[in-house]
């Protein structure tokens, strides 16, 4: 009985040693990749063709339509870029105009406050010394 177990243990140890030795030259991913490529190249190929009709050319029609839409989209992107370049100075002008209006409103509040301050000092002066 021990003899049978020792042989199995030695066999497993030898297999593990050989696998680790083989993986030191090529990682497992490369081994699996090469094995799958060998199996793929060993398969039998088959080819079938069907006459063209509206149903089996639908994918090609969709690809052509998608290319056409991409061309249209690129043309529209170029037009938008040109229009954005034209509108950039207008945005700057409107910003400057808005700042000027805000500045004028602030000046108006300041001058109103200053006028109110000066007029409130002596609107009704009564001289009581002469009476």
C-alpha atoms as a PDB file:
ATOM      1  CA  UNK A   1       0.000   0.000   0.000  1.00  0.00           C
ATOM      2  CA  UNK A   2       2.751   2.494   0.847  1.00  0.00           C
ATOM      3  CA  UNK A   3       4.504   1.571  -2.322  1.00  0.00           C
ATOM      4  CA  UNK A   4       1.466   2.567  -4.421  1.00  0.00           C
ATOM      5  CA  UNK A   5       1.125   5.920  -2.593  1.00  0.00           C
ATOM      6  CA  UNK A   6       4.819   6.674  -2.962  1.00  0.00           C
ATOM      7  CA  UNK A   7       4.636   6.113  -6.703  1.00  0.00           C
ATOM      8  CA  UNK A   8       1.647   8.447  -7.037  1.00  0.00           C
ATOM      9  CA  UNK A   9       3.337  11.107  -4.920  1.00  0.00           C
ATOM     10  CA  UNK A  10       6.523  10.763  -6.951  1.00  0.00           C
ATOM     11  CA  UNK A  11       4.527  10.980 -10.186  1.00  0.00           C
ATOM     12  CA  UNK A  12       2.712  14.130  -9.070  1.00  0.00           C
ATOM     13  CA  UNK A  13       5.970  15.687  -7.880  1.00  0.00           C
ATOM     14  CA  UNK A  14       7.672  14.865 -11.177  1.00  0.00           C
ATOM     15  CA  UNK A  15       4.744  16.300 -13.172  1.00  0.00           C
ATOM     16  CA  UNK A  16       4.779  19.488 -11.076  1.00  0.00           C
ATOM     17  CA  UNK A  17       8.537  19.797 -11.552  1.00  0.00           C
ATOM     18  CA  UNK A  18       8.251  19.356 -15.322  1.00  0.00           C
ATOM     19  CA  UNK A  19       5.389  21.866 -15.573  1.00  0.00           C
ATOM     20  CA  UNK A  20       7.262  24.476 -13.554  1.00  0.00           C
ATOM     21  CA  UNK A  21      10.334  23.858 -15.686  1.00  0.00           C
ATOM     22  CA  UNK A  22       8.370  24.249 -18.923  1.00  0.00           C
ATOM     23  CA  UNK A  23       6.654  27.421 -17.653  1.00  0.00           C
ATOM     24  CA  UNK A  24      10.026  28.952 -16.919  1.00  0.00           C
ATOM     25  CA  UNK A  25      10.628  29.100 -20.684  1.00  0.00           C
ATOM     26  CA  UNK A  26       7.119  30.215 -21.698  1.00  0.00           C
ATOM     27  CA  UNK A  27       4.373  31.600 -19.464  1.00  0.00           C
ATOM     28  CA  UNK A  28       1.060  29.709 -19.399  1.00  0.00           C
ATOM     29  CA  UNK A  29      -0.695  32.384 -21.461  1.00  0.00           C
ATOM     30  CA  UNK A  30       1.739  31.831 -24.335  1.00  0.00           C
ATOM     31  CA  UNK A  31       1.318  28.065 -24.095  1.00  0.00           C
ATOM     32  CA  UNK A  32      -2.492  28.349 -24.190  1.00  0.00           C
ATOM     33  CA  UNK A  33      -2.328  30.867 -27.051  1.00  0.00           C
ATOM     34  CA  UNK A  34      -0.069  28.676 -29.153  1.00  0.00           C
ATOM     35  CA  UNK A  35      -2.198  25.615 -28.407  1.00  0.00           C
ATOM     36  CA  UNK A  36      -5.370  27.400 -29.471  1.00  0.00           C
ATOM     37  CA  UNK A  37      -3.719  28.678 -32.643  1.00  0.00           C
ATOM     38  CA  UNK A  38      -2.566  25.155 -33.476  1.00  0.00           C
ATOM     39  CA  UNK A  39      -6.069  23.813 -32.929  1.00  0.00           C
ATOM     40  CA  UNK A  40      -7.537  26.638 -34.990  1.00  0.00           C
ATOM     41  CA  UNK A  41      -5.212  26.018 -37.899  1.00  0.00           C
ATOM     42  CA  UNK A  42      -5.957  22.291 -37.816  1.00  0.00           C
ATOM     43  CA  UNK A  43      -9.690  22.823 -38.319  1.00  0.00           C
ATOM     44  CA  UNK A  44     -11.426  22.328 -41.625  1.00  0.00           C
ATOM     45  CA  UNK A  45     -12.648  25.447 -43.369  1.00  0.00           C
ATOM     46  CA  UNK A  46     -15.878  25.823 -45.251  1.00  0.00           C
ATOM     47  CA  UNK A  47     -17.208  28.651 -47.333  1.00  0.00           C
ATOM     48  CA  UNK A  48     -20.724  29.310 -48.600  1.00  0.00           C
ATOM     49  CA  UNK A  49     -22.144  32.127 -50.682  1.00  0.00           C
ATOM     50  CA  UNK A  50     -25.642  33.441 -51.239  1.00  0.00           C
ATOM     51  CA  UNK A  51     -26.720  35.672 -54.076  1.00  0.00           C
ATOM     52  CA  UNK A  52     -27.094  39.291 -53.103  1.00  0.00           C
ATOM     53  CA  UNK A  53     -30.546  40.463 -52.110  1.00  0.00           C
ATOM     54  CA  UNK A  54     -31.864  43.404 -50.084  1.00  0.00           C
ATOM     55  CA  UNK A  55     -31.685  41.439 -46.845  1.00  0.00           C
ATOM     56  CA  UNK A  56     -28.074  40.259 -46.942  1.00  0.00           C
ATOM     57  CA  UNK A  57     -26.746  43.620 -48.184  1.00  0.00           C
ATOM     58  CA  UNK A  58     -28.400  45.535 -45.359  1.00  0.00           C
ATOM     59  CA  UNK A  59     -25.229  45.587 -43.246  1.00  0.00           C
ATOM     60  CA  UNK A  60     -23.229  47.078 -46.102  1.00  0.00           C
ATOM     61  CA  UNK A  61     -25.932  49.673 -46.688  1.00  0.00           C
ATOM     62  CA  UNK A  62     -25.780  50.633 -43.025  1.00  0.00           C
ATOM     63  CA  UNK A  63     -21.993  50.955 -43.175  1.00  0.00           C
ATOM     64  CA  UNK A  64     -22.262  53.189 -46.257  1.00  0.00           C
ATOM     65  CA  UNK A  65     -24.928  55.338 -44.573  1.00  0.00           C
ATOM     66  CA  UNK A  66     -22.767  55.647 -41.463  1.00  0.00           C
ATOM     67  CA  UNK A  67     -19.792  56.835 -43.528  1.00  0.00           C
ATOM     68  CA  UNK A  68     -21.994  59.378 -45.277  1.00  0.00           C
ATOM     69  CA  UNK A  69     -23.270  60.666 -41.928  1.00  0.00           C
ATOM     70  CA  UNK A  70     -19.714  60.935 -40.585  1.00  0.00           C
ATOM     71  CA  UNK A  71     -18.742  63.051 -43.591  1.00  0.00           C
ATOM     72  CA  UNK A  72     -21.766  65.311 -43.013  1.00  0.00           C
ATOM     73  CA  UNK A  73     -20.906  65.577 -39.333  1.00  0.00           C
ATOM     74  CA  UNK A  74     -17.334  66.624 -40.080  1.00  0.00           C
ATOM     75  CA  UNK A  75     -18.614  69.323 -42.475  1.00  0.00           C
ATOM     76  CA  UNK A  76     -20.990  70.602 -39.792  1.00  0.00           C
ATOM     77  CA  UNK A  77     -18.197  70.610 -37.211  1.00  0.00           C
ATOM     78  CA  UNK A  78     -16.085  72.769 -39.519  1.00  0.00           C
ATOM     79  CA  UNK A  79     -18.982  75.194 -40.043  1.00  0.00           C
ATOM     80  CA  UNK A  80     -19.607  75.446 -36.307  1.00  0.00           C
ATOM     81  CA  UNK A  81     -15.926  76.132 -35.697  1.00  0.00           C
ATOM     82  CA  UNK A  82     -16.003  79.010 -38.183  1.00  0.00           C
ATOM     83  CA  UNK A  83     -19.197  80.417 -36.655  1.00  0.00           C
ATOM     84  CA  UNK A  84     -17.788  80.152 -33.147  1.00  0.00           C
ATOM     85  CA  UNK A  85     -14.688  82.037 -34.261  1.00  0.00           C
ATOM     86  CA  UNK A  86     -16.914  84.815 -35.635  1.00  0.00           C
ATOM     87  CA  UNK A  87     -19.032  85.008 -32.480  1.00  0.00           C
ATOM     88  CA  UNK A  88     -16.099  85.218 -30.053  1.00  0.00           C
ATOM     89  CA  UNK A  89     -15.523  88.998 -30.510  1.00  0.00           C
ATOM     90  CA  UNK A  90     -19.256  89.640 -30.103  1.00  0.00           C
ATOM     91  CA  UNK A  91     -19.188  87.888 -26.731  1.00  0.00           C
ATOM     92  CA  UNK A  92     -16.256  90.046 -25.656  1.00  0.00           C
ATOM     93  CA  UNK A  93     -18.023  93.218 -26.782  1.00  0.00           C
ATOM     94  CA  UNK A  94     -21.210  92.313 -24.919  1.00  0.00           C
ATOM     95  CA  UNK A  95     -19.175  91.549 -21.774  1.00  0.00           C
ATOM     96  CA  UNK A  96     -17.430  94.921 -21.951  1.00  0.00           C
ATOM     97  CA  UNK A  97     -20.732  96.702 -22.575  1.00  0.00           C
ATOM     98  CA  UNK A  98     -22.319  94.970 -19.580  1.00  0.00           C
ATOM     99  CA  UNK A  99     -19.399  95.972 -17.353  1.00  0.00           C
ATOM    100  CA  UNK A 100     -19.690  99.580 -18.544  1.00  0.00           C
ATOM    101  CA  UNK A 101     -23.413  99.657 -17.726  1.00  0.00           C
ATOM    102  CA  UNK A 102     -22.714  98.225 -14.253  1.00  0.00           C
ATOM    103  CA  UNK A 103     -20.055 100.876 -13.698  1.00  0.00           C
ATOM    104  CA  UNK A 104     -22.448 103.642 -14.741  1.00  0.00           C
ATOM    105  CA  UNK A 105     -25.120 102.333 -12.357  1.00  0.00           C
ATOM    106  CA  UNK A 106     -22.575 102.319  -9.503  1.00  0.00           C
ATOM    107  CA  UNK A 107     -21.564 105.919 -10.330  1.00  0.00           C
ATOM    108  CA  UNK A 108     -25.231 106.900 -10.280  1.00  0.00           C
ATOM    109  CA  UNK A 109     -25.683 105.404  -6.803  1.00  0.00           C
ATOM    110  CA  UNK A 110     -22.548 107.174  -5.582  1.00  0.00           C
ATOM    111  CA  UNK A 111     -23.594 110.582  -6.923  1.00  0.00           C
ATOM    112  CA  UNK A 112     -27.113 110.162  -5.526  1.00  0.00           C
ATOM    113  CA  UNK A 113     -25.653 109.320  -2.094  1.00  0.00           C
ATOM    114  CA  UNK A 114     -23.290 112.311  -2.247  1.00  0.00           C
ATOM    115  CA  UNK A 115     -26.084 114.698  -3.248  1.00  0.00           C
ATOM    116  CA  UNK A 116     -28.317 113.361  -0.472  1.00  0.00           C
ATOM    117  CA  UNK A 117     -25.516 113.833   2.044  1.00  0.00           C
ATOM    118  CA  UNK A 118     -24.894 117.465   1.010  1.00  0.00           C
ATOM    119  CA  UNK A 119     -28.547 118.434   0.885  1.00  0.00           C
ATOM    120  CA  UNK A 120     -29.363 116.903   4.277  1.00  0.00           C
ATOM    121  CA  UNK A 121     -26.867 119.145   6.080  1.00  0.00           C
ATOM    122  CA  UNK A 122     -28.709 122.440   5.756  1.00  0.00           C
ATOM    123  CA  UNK A 123     -32.120 122.230   4.167  1.00  0.00           C
ATOM    124  CA  UNK A 124     -33.936 124.030   7.017  1.00  0.00           C
ATOM    125  CA  UNK A 125     -31.562 126.316   8.869  1.00  0.00           C
ATOM    126  CA  UNK A 126     -33.309 128.369  11.517  1.00  0.00           C
ATOM    127  CA  UNK A 127     -31.443 131.226  13.148  1.00  0.00           C
ATOM    128  CA  UNK A 128     -32.715 131.601  16.687  1.00  0.00           C
ATOM    129  CA  UNK A 129     -30.120 134.161  17.846  1.00  0.00           C
ATOM    130  CA  UNK A 130     -31.773 137.174  16.272  1.00  0.00           C
ATOM    131  CA  UNK A 131     -35.183 136.732  17.765  1.00  0.00           C
END
